[in-house]
Amino acid sequence: MPLYDFHCPECNRIVELLMTNRDDQAVCPECGSTRLEKLMVAHSSLSGKSGSSMPGPNDTACCGSRPGEKSGCAGPGSCCGRTF
């Protein structure tokens, strides 16, 4: 079910609406107008499958060792002693 951004010329608001069916009529939740203009917007750069941003038990740090196994490696979120 896609989300769309609309501009309402009646109350000059920008609203985001969930359109569940192709035949749904967009209605401004602020003033009730149906004269909404669909806006062109960029999608989120975070769309798609998400993954863990932290190293797991079998991951290696940038120095090639598991976090905590090399001198100076401070553990998850670190890279050979440099923390991020």
PDB file of N, CA and C in Angstrom:
ATOM      1  N   MET A   1       0.834  -1.167   0.000  1.00  0.00           N
ATOM      2  CA  MET A   1       0.000   0.000   0.000  1.00  0.00           C
ATOM      3  C   MET A   1       0.885   1.238   0.000  1.00  0.00           C
ATOM      4  N   PRO A   2       0.857   1.981  -1.077  1.00  0.00           N
ATOM      5  CA  PRO A   2       1.777   3.115  -1.196  1.00  0.00           C
ATOM      6  C   PRO A   2       1.314   4.356  -0.425  1.00  0.00           C
ATOM      7  N   LEU A   3       2.309   5.085   0.036  1.00  0.00           N
ATOM      8  CA  LEU A   3       2.095   6.396   0.637  1.00  0.00           C
ATOM      9  C   LEU A   3       2.372   7.450  -0.422  1.00  0.00           C
ATOM     10  N   TYR A   4       1.524   8.458  -0.483  1.00  0.00           N
ATOM     11  CA  TYR A   4       1.706   9.550  -1.433  1.00  0.00           C
ATOM     12  C   TYR A   4       1.685  10.866  -0.684  1.00  0.00           C
ATOM     13  N   ASP A   5       2.454  11.834  -1.175  1.00  0.00           N
ATOM     14  CA  ASP A   5       2.424  13.189  -0.648  1.00  0.00           C
ATOM     15  C   ASP A   5       1.564  14.038  -1.569  1.00  0.00           C
ATOM     16  N   PHE A   6       0.720  14.858  -0.968  1.00  0.00           N
ATOM     17  CA  PHE A   6      -0.175  15.730  -1.714  1.00  0.00           C
ATOM     18  C   PHE A   6      -0.069  17.144  -1.181  1.00  0.00           C
ATOM     19  N   HIS A   7      -0.315  18.111  -2.083  1.00  0.00           N
ATOM     20  CA  HIS A   7      -0.449  19.512  -1.693  1.00  0.00           C
ATOM     21  C   HIS A   7      -1.923  19.863  -1.831  1.00  0.00           C
ATOM     22  N   CYS A   8      -2.471  20.500  -0.790  1.00  0.00           N
ATOM     23  CA  CYS A   8      -3.859  20.952  -0.831  1.00  0.00           C
ATOM     24  C   CYS A   8      -3.865  22.445  -1.138  1.00  0.00           C
ATOM     25  N   PRO A   9      -4.375  22.859  -2.309  1.00  0.00           N
ATOM     26  CA  PRO A   9      -4.404  24.285  -2.632  1.00  0.00           C
ATOM     27  C   PRO A   9      -5.422  25.062  -1.800  1.00  0.00           C
ATOM     28  N   GLU A  10      -6.375  24.370  -1.186  1.00  0.00           N
ATOM     29  CA  GLU A  10      -7.399  25.044  -0.381  1.00  0.00           C
ATOM     30  C   GLU A  10      -6.821  25.561   0.942  1.00  0.00           C
ATOM     31  N   CYS A  11      -6.057  24.720   1.647  1.00  0.00           N
ATOM     32  CA  CYS A  11      -5.504  25.128   2.947  1.00  0.00           C
ATOM     33  C   CYS A  11      -3.981  25.249   2.917  1.00  0.00           C
ATOM     34  N   ASN A  12      -3.395  25.008   1.733  1.00  0.00           N
ATOM     35  CA  ASN A  12      -1.946  25.128   1.504  1.00  0.00           C
ATOM     36  C   ASN A  12      -1.124  24.200   2.398  1.00  0.00           C
ATOM     37  N   ARG A  13      -1.641  23.025   2.683  1.00  0.00           N
ATOM     38  CA  ARG A  13      -0.932  22.042   3.511  1.00  0.00           C
ATOM     39  C   ARG A  13      -0.336  20.957   2.624  1.00  0.00           C
ATOM     40  N   ILE A  14       0.746  20.348   3.109  1.00  0.00           N
ATOM     41  CA  ILE A  14       1.326  19.159   2.502  1.00  0.00           C
ATOM     42  C   ILE A  14       0.926  18.001   3.406  1.00  0.00           C
ATOM     43  N   VAL A  15       0.301  16.979   2.821  1.00  0.00           N
ATOM     44  CA  VAL A  15      -0.154  15.837   3.612  1.00  0.00           C
ATOM     45  C   VAL A  15       0.350  14.550   2.974  1.00  0.00           C
ATOM     46  N   GLU A  16       0.538  13.542   3.802  1.00  0.00           N
ATOM     47  CA  GLU A  16       0.942  12.210   3.344  1.00  0.00           C
ATOM     48  C   GLU A  16      -0.244  11.288   3.576  1.00  0.00           C
ATOM     49  N   LEU A  17      -0.681  10.607   2.507  1.00  0.00           N
ATOM     50  CA  LEU A  17      -1.855   9.751   2.599  1.00  0.00           C
ATOM     51  C   LEU A  17      -1.525   8.335   2.146  1.00  0.00           C
ATOM     52  N   LEU A  18      -2.093   7.379   2.851  1.00  0.00           N
ATOM     53  CA  LEU A  18      -1.989   5.977   2.476  1.00  0.00           C
ATOM     54  C   LEU A  18      -3.149   5.667   1.548  1.00  0.00           C
ATOM     55  N   MET A  19      -2.857   5.230   0.338  1.00  0.00           N
ATOM     56  CA  MET A  19      -3.894   4.910  -0.648  1.00  0.00           C
ATOM     57  C   MET A  19      -3.986   3.392  -0.740  1.00  0.00           C
ATOM     58  N   THR A  20      -5.058   2.819  -0.201  1.00  0.00           N
ATOM     59  CA  THR A  20      -5.180   1.368  -0.134  1.00  0.00           C
ATOM     60  C   THR A  20      -5.712   0.750  -1.414  1.00  0.00           C
ATOM     61  N   ASN A  21      -6.478   1.510  -2.188  1.00  0.00           N
ATOM     62  CA  ASN A  21      -7.022   1.009  -3.450  1.00  0.00           C
ATOM     63  C   ASN A  21      -6.730   1.998  -4.561  1.00  0.00           C
ATOM     64  N   ARG A  22      -6.659   1.501  -5.768  1.00  0.00           N
ATOM     65  CA  ARG A  22      -6.402   2.341  -6.930  1.00  0.00           C
ATOM     66  C   ARG A  22      -7.486   3.403  -7.108  1.00  0.00           C
ATOM     67  N   ASP A  23      -8.716   3.082  -6.725  1.00  0.00           N
ATOM     68  CA  ASP A  23      -9.846   3.988  -6.931  1.00  0.00           C
ATOM     69  C   ASP A  23     -10.102   4.929  -5.752  1.00  0.00           C
ATOM     70  N   ASP A  24      -9.252   4.909  -4.730  1.00  0.00           N
ATOM     71  CA  ASP A  24      -9.449   5.792  -3.571  1.00  0.00           C
ATOM     72  C   ASP A  24      -9.375   7.254  -3.985  1.00  0.00           C
ATOM     73  N   GLN A  25     -10.232   8.062  -3.384  1.00  0.00           N
ATOM     74  CA  GLN A  25     -10.220   9.509  -3.599  1.00  0.00           C
ATOM     75  C   GLN A  25      -9.398  10.146  -2.493  1.00  0.00           C
ATOM     76  N   ALA A  26      -8.388  10.908  -2.863  1.00  0.00           N
ATOM     77  CA  ALA A  26      -7.563  11.600  -1.873  1.00  0.00           C
ATOM     78  C   ALA A  26      -8.352  12.766  -1.292  1.00  0.00           C
ATOM     79  N   VAL A  27      -8.402  12.818   0.037  1.00  0.00           N
ATOM     80  CA  VAL A  27      -9.133  13.872   0.735  1.00  0.00           C
ATOM     81  C   VAL A  27      -8.198  14.498   1.762  1.00  0.00           C
ATOM     82  N   CYS A  28      -8.139  15.821   1.779  1.00  0.00           N
ATOM     83  CA  CYS A  28      -7.292  16.528   2.735  1.00  0.00           C
ATOM     84  C   CYS A  28      -7.845  16.324   4.143  1.00  0.00           C
ATOM     85  N   PRO A  29      -7.027  15.809   5.067  1.00  0.00           N
ATOM     86  CA  PRO A  29      -7.502  15.600   6.428  1.00  0.00           C
ATOM     87  C   PRO A  29      -7.676  16.908   7.211  1.00  0.00           C
ATOM     88  N   GLU A  30      -7.113  18.006   6.703  1.00  0.00           N
ATOM     89  CA  GLU A  30      -7.218  19.307   7.382  1.00  0.00           C
ATOM     90  C   GLU A  30      -8.513  20.033   7.040  1.00  0.00           C
ATOM     91  N   CYS A  31      -8.842  20.104   5.724  1.00  0.00           N
ATOM     92  CA  CYS A  31     -10.004  20.906   5.324  1.00  0.00           C
ATOM     93  C   CYS A  31     -11.078  20.108   4.587  1.00  0.00           C
ATOM     94  N   GLY A  32     -10.783  18.850   4.225  1.00  0.00           N
ATOM     95  CA  GLY A  32     -11.763  18.012   3.548  1.00  0.00           C
ATOM     96  C   GLY A  32     -11.814  18.177   2.040  1.00  0.00           C
ATOM     97  N   SER A  33     -10.938  18.986   1.478  1.00  0.00           N
ATOM     98  CA  SER A  33     -10.925  19.209   0.034  1.00  0.00           C
ATOM     99  C   SER A  33     -10.492  17.950  -0.708  1.00  0.00           C
ATOM    100  N   THR A  34     -11.061  17.755  -1.902  1.00  0.00           N
ATOM    101  CA  THR A  34     -10.662  16.642  -2.772  1.00  0.00           C
ATOM    102  C   THR A  34      -9.820  17.139  -3.944  1.00  0.00           C
ATOM    103  N   ARG A  35      -9.459  18.410  -3.961  1.00  0.00           N
ATOM    104  CA  ARG A  35      -8.665  18.996  -5.041  1.00  0.00           C
ATOM    105  C   ARG A  35      -7.174  18.898  -4.737  1.00  0.00           C
ATOM    106  N   LEU A  36      -6.704  17.747  -4.320  1.00  0.00           N
ATOM    107  CA  LEU A  36      -5.303  17.580  -3.956  1.00  0.00           C
ATOM    108  C   LEU A  36      -4.433  17.377  -5.185  1.00  0.00           C
ATOM    109  N   GLU A  37      -3.225  17.912  -5.113  1.00  0.00           N
ATOM    110  CA  GLU A  37      -2.239  17.752  -6.184  1.00  0.00           C
ATOM    111  C   GLU A  37      -1.168  16.782  -5.701  1.00  0.00           C
ATOM    112  N   LYS A  38      -0.964  15.685  -6.450  1.00  0.00           N
ATOM    113  CA  LYS A  38       0.063  14.713  -6.057  1.00  0.00           C
ATOM    114  C   LYS A  38       1.442  15.315  -6.295  1.00  0.00           C
ATOM    115  N   LEU A  39       2.312  15.151  -5.308  1.00  0.00           N
ATOM    116  CA  LEU A  39       3.663  15.692  -5.388  1.00  0.00           C
ATOM    117  C   LEU A  39       4.651  14.612  -5.804  1.00  0.00           C
ATOM    118  N   MET A  40       5.709  15.046  -6.448  1.00  0.00           N
ATOM    119  CA  MET A  40       6.796  14.152  -6.801  1.00  0.00           C
ATOM    120  C   MET A  40       7.805  14.218  -5.666  1.00  0.00           C
ATOM    121  N   VAL A  41       8.078  13.084  -5.015  1.00  0.00           N
ATOM    122  CA  VAL A  41       9.002  13.069  -3.883  1.00  0.00           C
ATOM    123  C   VAL A  41      10.006  11.940  -4.050  1.00  0.00           C
ATOM    124  N   ALA A  42      11.160  12.117  -3.450  1.00  0.00           N
ATOM    125  CA  ALA A  42      12.187  11.073  -3.469  1.00  0.00           C
ATOM    126  C   ALA A  42      11.891  10.073  -2.357  1.00  0.00           C
ATOM    127  N   HIS A  43      12.086   8.804  -2.632  1.00  0.00           N
ATOM    128  CA  HIS A  43      11.877   7.792  -1.603  1.00  0.00           C
ATOM    129  C   HIS A  43      13.057   7.792  -0.635  1.00  0.00           C
ATOM    130  N   SER A  44      12.858   7.151   0.468  1.00  0.00           N
ATOM    131  CA  SER A  44      13.890   7.089   1.492  1.00  0.00           C
ATOM    132  C   SER A  44      15.093   6.300   1.008  1.00  0.00           C
ATOM    133  N   SER A  45      16.266   6.748   1.377  1.00  0.00           N
ATOM    134  CA  SER A  45      17.469   6.000   1.033  1.00  0.00           C
ATOM    135  C   SER A  45      17.604   4.759   1.900  1.00  0.00           C
ATOM    136  N   LEU A  46      16.748   4.622   2.892  1.00  0.00           N
ATOM    137  CA  LEU A  46      16.800   3.469   3.784  1.00  0.00           C
ATOM    138  C   LEU A  46      15.824   2.378   3.367  1.00  0.00           C
ATOM    139  N   SER A  47      15.242   2.498   2.177  1.00  0.00           N
ATOM    140  CA  SER A  47      14.298   1.469   1.747  1.00  0.00           C
ATOM    141  C   SER A  47      15.046   0.198   1.375  1.00  0.00           C
ATOM    142  N   GLY A  48      14.354  -0.898   1.413  1.00  0.00           N
ATOM    143  CA  GLY A  48      14.971  -2.181   1.095  1.00  0.00           C
ATOM    144  C   GLY A  48      15.268  -2.971   2.343  1.00  0.00           C
ATOM    145  N   LYS A  49      15.936  -4.091   2.154  1.00  0.00           N
ATOM    146  CA  LYS A  49      16.248  -4.977   3.259  1.00  0.00           C
ATOM    147  C   LYS A  49      17.259  -4.314   4.184  1.00  0.00           C
ATOM    148  N   SER A  50      16.970  -4.349   5.463  1.00  0.00           N
ATOM    149  CA  SER A  50      17.893  -3.771   6.424  1.00  0.00           C
ATOM    150  C   SER A  50      18.776  -4.875   6.997  1.00  0.00           C
ATOM    151  N   GLY A  51      19.947  -4.499   7.366  1.00  0.00           N
ATOM    152  CA  GLY A  51      20.884  -5.442   7.965  1.00  0.00           C
ATOM    153  C   GLY A  51      21.442  -4.860   9.241  1.00  0.00           C
ATOM    154  N   SER A  52      22.151  -5.672   9.946  1.00  0.00           N
ATOM    155  CA  SER A  52      22.745  -5.209  11.192  1.00  0.00           C
ATOM    156  C   SER A  52      23.920  -4.299  10.880  1.00  0.00           C
ATOM    157  N   SER A  53      24.014  -3.203  11.609  1.00  0.00           N
ATOM    158  CA  SER A  53      25.144  -2.299  11.410  1.00  0.00           C
ATOM    159  C   SER A  53      26.274  -2.599  12.387  1.00  0.00           C
ATOM    160  N   MET A  54      26.043  -3.519  13.307  1.00  0.00           N
ATOM    161  CA  MET A  54      27.063  -3.885  14.283  1.00  0.00           C
ATOM    162  C   MET A  54      27.624  -5.264  13.940  1.00  0.00           C
ATOM    163  N   PRO A  55      28.897  -5.485  14.213  1.00  0.00           N
ATOM    164  CA  PRO A  55      29.475  -6.804  13.950  1.00  0.00           C
ATOM    165  C   PRO A  55      28.809  -7.881  14.807  1.00  0.00           C
ATOM    166  N   GLY A  56      28.682  -9.058  14.232  1.00  0.00           N
ATOM    167  CA  GLY A  56      28.120 -10.195  14.948  1.00  0.00           C
ATOM    168  C   GLY A  56      29.223 -11.111  15.442  1.00  0.00           C
ATOM    169  N   PRO A  57      28.866 -12.262  16.028  1.00  0.00           N
ATOM    170  CA  PRO A  57      29.858 -13.172  16.612  1.00  0.00           C
ATOM    171  C   PRO A  57      30.911 -13.667  15.626  1.00  0.00           C
ATOM    172  N   ASN A  58      30.574 -13.870  14.361  1.00  0.00           N
ATOM    173  CA  ASN A  58      31.532 -14.394  13.382  1.00  0.00           C
ATOM    174  C   ASN A  58      32.064 -13.337  12.423  1.00  0.00           C
ATOM    175  N   ASP A  59      31.717 -12.082  12.645  1.00  0.00           N
ATOM    176  CA  ASP A  59      32.193 -11.006  11.788  1.00  0.00           C
ATOM    177  C   ASP A  59      33.622 -10.631  12.182  1.00  0.00           C
ATOM    178  N   THR A  60      34.326 -10.051  11.240  1.00  0.00           N
ATOM    179  CA  THR A  60      35.666  -9.556  11.535  1.00  0.00           C
ATOM    180  C   THR A  60      35.672  -8.045  11.421  1.00  0.00           C
ATOM    181  N   ALA A  61      36.546  -7.415  12.164  1.00  0.00           N
ATOM    182  CA  ALA A  61      36.710  -5.971  12.071  1.00  0.00           C
ATOM    183  C   ALA A  61      37.564  -5.672  10.840  1.00  0.00           C
ATOM    184  N   CYS A  62      37.808  -4.411  10.569  1.00  0.00           N
ATOM    185  CA  CYS A  62      38.577  -4.051   9.379  1.00  0.00           C
ATOM    186  C   CYS A  62      40.017  -4.542   9.459  1.00  0.00           C
ATOM    187  N   CYS A  63      40.500  -4.823  10.657  1.00  0.00           N
ATOM    188  CA  CYS A  63      41.887  -5.287  10.798  1.00  0.00           C
ATOM    189  C   CYS A  63      42.002  -6.790  10.550  1.00  0.00           C
ATOM    190  N   GLY A  64      40.875  -7.467  10.216  1.00  0.00           N
ATOM    191  CA  GLY A  64      40.915  -8.882   9.892  1.00  0.00           C
ATOM    192  C   GLY A  64      40.750  -9.811  11.072  1.00  0.00           C
ATOM    193  N   SER A  65      40.625  -9.275  12.258  1.00  0.00           N
ATOM    194  CA  SER A  65      40.434 -10.095  13.456  1.00  0.00           C
ATOM    195  C   SER A  65      39.027  -9.885  13.992  1.00  0.00           C
ATOM    196  N   ARG A  66      38.570 -10.841  14.748  1.00  0.00           N
ATOM    197  CA  ARG A  66      37.290 -10.663  15.406  1.00  0.00           C
ATOM    198  C   ARG A  66      37.422  -9.579  16.459  1.00  0.00           C
ATOM    199  N   PRO A  67      36.345  -8.798  16.680  1.00  0.00           N
ATOM    200  CA  PRO A  67      36.421  -7.760  17.708  1.00  0.00           C
ATOM    201  C   PRO A  67      36.839  -8.358  19.045  1.00  0.00           C
ATOM    202  N   GLY A  68      37.801  -7.743  19.703  1.00  0.00           N
ATOM    203  CA  GLY A  68      38.274  -8.179  21.007  1.00  0.00           C
ATOM    204  C   GLY A  68      39.420  -9.165  20.967  1.00  0.00           C
ATOM    205  N   GLU A  69      39.777  -9.716  19.772  1.00  0.00           N
ATOM    206  CA  GLU A  69      40.840 -10.712  19.681  1.00  0.00           C
ATOM    207  C   GLU A  69      42.188 -10.121  19.299  1.00  0.00           C
ATOM    208  N   LYS A  70      42.255  -8.906  18.854  1.00  0.00           N
ATOM    209  CA  LYS A  70      43.512  -8.291  18.447  1.00  0.00           C
ATOM    210  C   LYS A  70      43.838  -7.148  19.400  1.00  0.00           C
ATOM    211  N   SER A  71      45.091  -6.972  19.692  1.00  0.00           N
ATOM    212  CA  SER A  71      45.514  -5.899  20.565  1.00  0.00           C
ATOM    213  C   SER A  71      45.051  -4.553  20.005  1.00  0.00           C
ATOM    214  N   GLY A  72      44.382  -3.765  20.813  1.00  0.00           N
ATOM    215  CA  GLY A  72      43.909  -2.453  20.376  1.00  0.00           C
ATOM    216  C   GLY A  72      42.528  -2.469  19.763  1.00  0.00           C
ATOM    217  N   CYS A  73      41.972  -3.662  19.522  1.00  0.00           N
ATOM    218  CA  CYS A  73      40.626  -3.750  18.944  1.00  0.00           C
ATOM    219  C   CYS A  73      39.635  -3.655  20.105  1.00  0.00           C
ATOM    220  N   ALA A  74      38.847  -2.593  20.130  1.00  0.00           N
ATOM    221  CA  ALA A  74      37.992  -2.298  21.279  1.00  0.00           C
ATOM    222  C   ALA A  74      36.654  -3.029  21.253  1.00  0.00           C
ATOM    223  N   GLY A  75      36.402  -3.861  20.271  1.00  0.00           N
ATOM    224  CA  GLY A  75      35.140  -4.600  20.225  1.00  0.00           C
ATOM    225  C   GLY A  75      34.189  -4.066  19.178  1.00  0.00           C
ATOM    226  N   PRO A  76      32.942  -4.507  19.222  1.00  0.00           N
ATOM    227  CA  PRO A  76      31.961  -4.097  18.207  1.00  0.00           C
ATOM    228  C   PRO A  76      31.913  -2.568  18.079  1.00  0.00           C
ATOM    229  N   GLY A  77      31.886  -2.118  16.842  1.00  0.00           N
ATOM    230  CA  GLY A  77      31.854  -0.682  16.572  1.00  0.00           C
ATOM    231  C   GLY A  77      33.229  -0.045  16.533  1.00  0.00           C
ATOM    232  N   SER A  78      34.277  -0.859  16.652  1.00  0.00           N
ATOM    233  CA  SER A  78      35.623  -0.306  16.612  1.00  0.00           C
ATOM    234  C   SER A  78      36.372  -0.901  15.411  1.00  0.00           C
ATOM    235  N   CYS A  79      37.450  -0.253  15.064  1.00  0.00           N
ATOM    236  CA  CYS A  79      38.277  -0.732  13.965  1.00  0.00           C
ATOM    237  C   CYS A  79      39.728  -0.562  14.389  1.00  0.00           C
ATOM    238  N   CYS A  80      40.294  -1.636  14.919  1.00  0.00           N
ATOM    239  CA  CYS A  80      41.694  -1.624  15.370  1.00  0.00           C
ATOM    240  C   CYS A  80      41.977  -0.481  16.353  1.00  0.00           C
ATOM    241  N   GLY A  81      41.085  -0.315  17.311  1.00  0.00           N
ATOM    242  CA  GLY A  81      41.292   0.702  18.330  1.00  0.00           C
ATOM    243  C   GLY A  81      40.600   2.020  18.056  1.00  0.00           C
ATOM    244  N   ARG A  82      40.123   2.225  16.819  1.00  0.00           N
ATOM    245  CA  ARG A  82      39.415   3.467  16.520  1.00  0.00           C
ATOM    246  C   ARG A  82      37.927   3.204  16.695  1.00  0.00           C
ATOM    247  N   THR A  83      37.265   3.933  17.554  1.00  0.00           N
ATOM    248  CA  THR A  83      35.837   3.765  17.740  1.00  0.00           C
ATOM    249  C   THR A  83      35.084   4.727  16.850  1.00  0.00           C
ATOM    250  N   PHE A  84      33.913   4.309  16.399  1.00  0.00           N
ATOM    251  CA  PHE A  84      33.109   5.104  15.478  1.00  0.00           C
ATOM    252  C   PHE A  84      31.881   5.646  16.162  1.00  0.00           C
TER     253      PHE A  84
END
